[in-house]
Each structure stands twice: as structure tokens, then as C-alpha cells.
Amino acid sequence: MANDNGNVLLALLTGAAIGAGIGILYAPEKGIDTRHKIKDKALNAKHDLTDRVSHAKEELNKTANEKKVEFEQKLEEVISSMSYKADDIIATLEHKLEDLRKKNAQLQK
């Protein structure tokens, strides 16, 4: 999903840059003025894209860290729960073993 958003953003910025470039090329101005405008628009688009990528990277890192913490908490809960269950199983098995020892002792008499 994040990749789709990045592709859409890239497509929009590319379209905007192309549209601005075509608009500038057809404007009735001197060539040097047109070239300066194209350069300025390209630099602005570059800075805008860099800012957006940086922001997206920060958001992705933030989300990844939040998910990591959530995963660690859930893992700890599962391990704790399994530990209690293991204790219950061991206690039940010990009880069963004691019953079997008693039955075995009765059978050997």
C-alpha cells in the first residue's frame, strides 16, 4: 500500500513538472528567462520530492517501531501464557504419575 502511495505521488509530481515545463516553453518570454524558470521549477520539485520522501521515511520508521513494540508485548504475553499452561500440564502429569505409582504399588501386592 505504501508503494502504491509512493507511485501515485511520483506520478503526480512528474505530471506537474512536465505540465509546468510545457507551460513555460510555450510562454512568450526570452530563452534565458525560460531556462531560469525551468531550472527553478526543477529545483523546487526536487526539494519538494526530497522533503516528501524524507517525511515518508520518518513515518515508515515510526510505524515500524510501533509495530515492533506491539509485537514484543504480544510475544511476551504469549510466552507468559504458555509458561502458565506448561506449569498446569506439568502439575497434571505429576498428579497422573503419582496415581499410576499408587496403582502399580497396589498391583504388586
Foldseek 3Di string as FASTA:
>chain_A
DVVVVVVVVVVVLVVVLVVVLVVLVPDPDDPVVSVVVNVVSVVVSVVVVVVVVVVSVVVVVVVVVVVVVVVVVVVVVVVVVVVVVVVVVVVVVVVVVVVVVVVVVVVVD
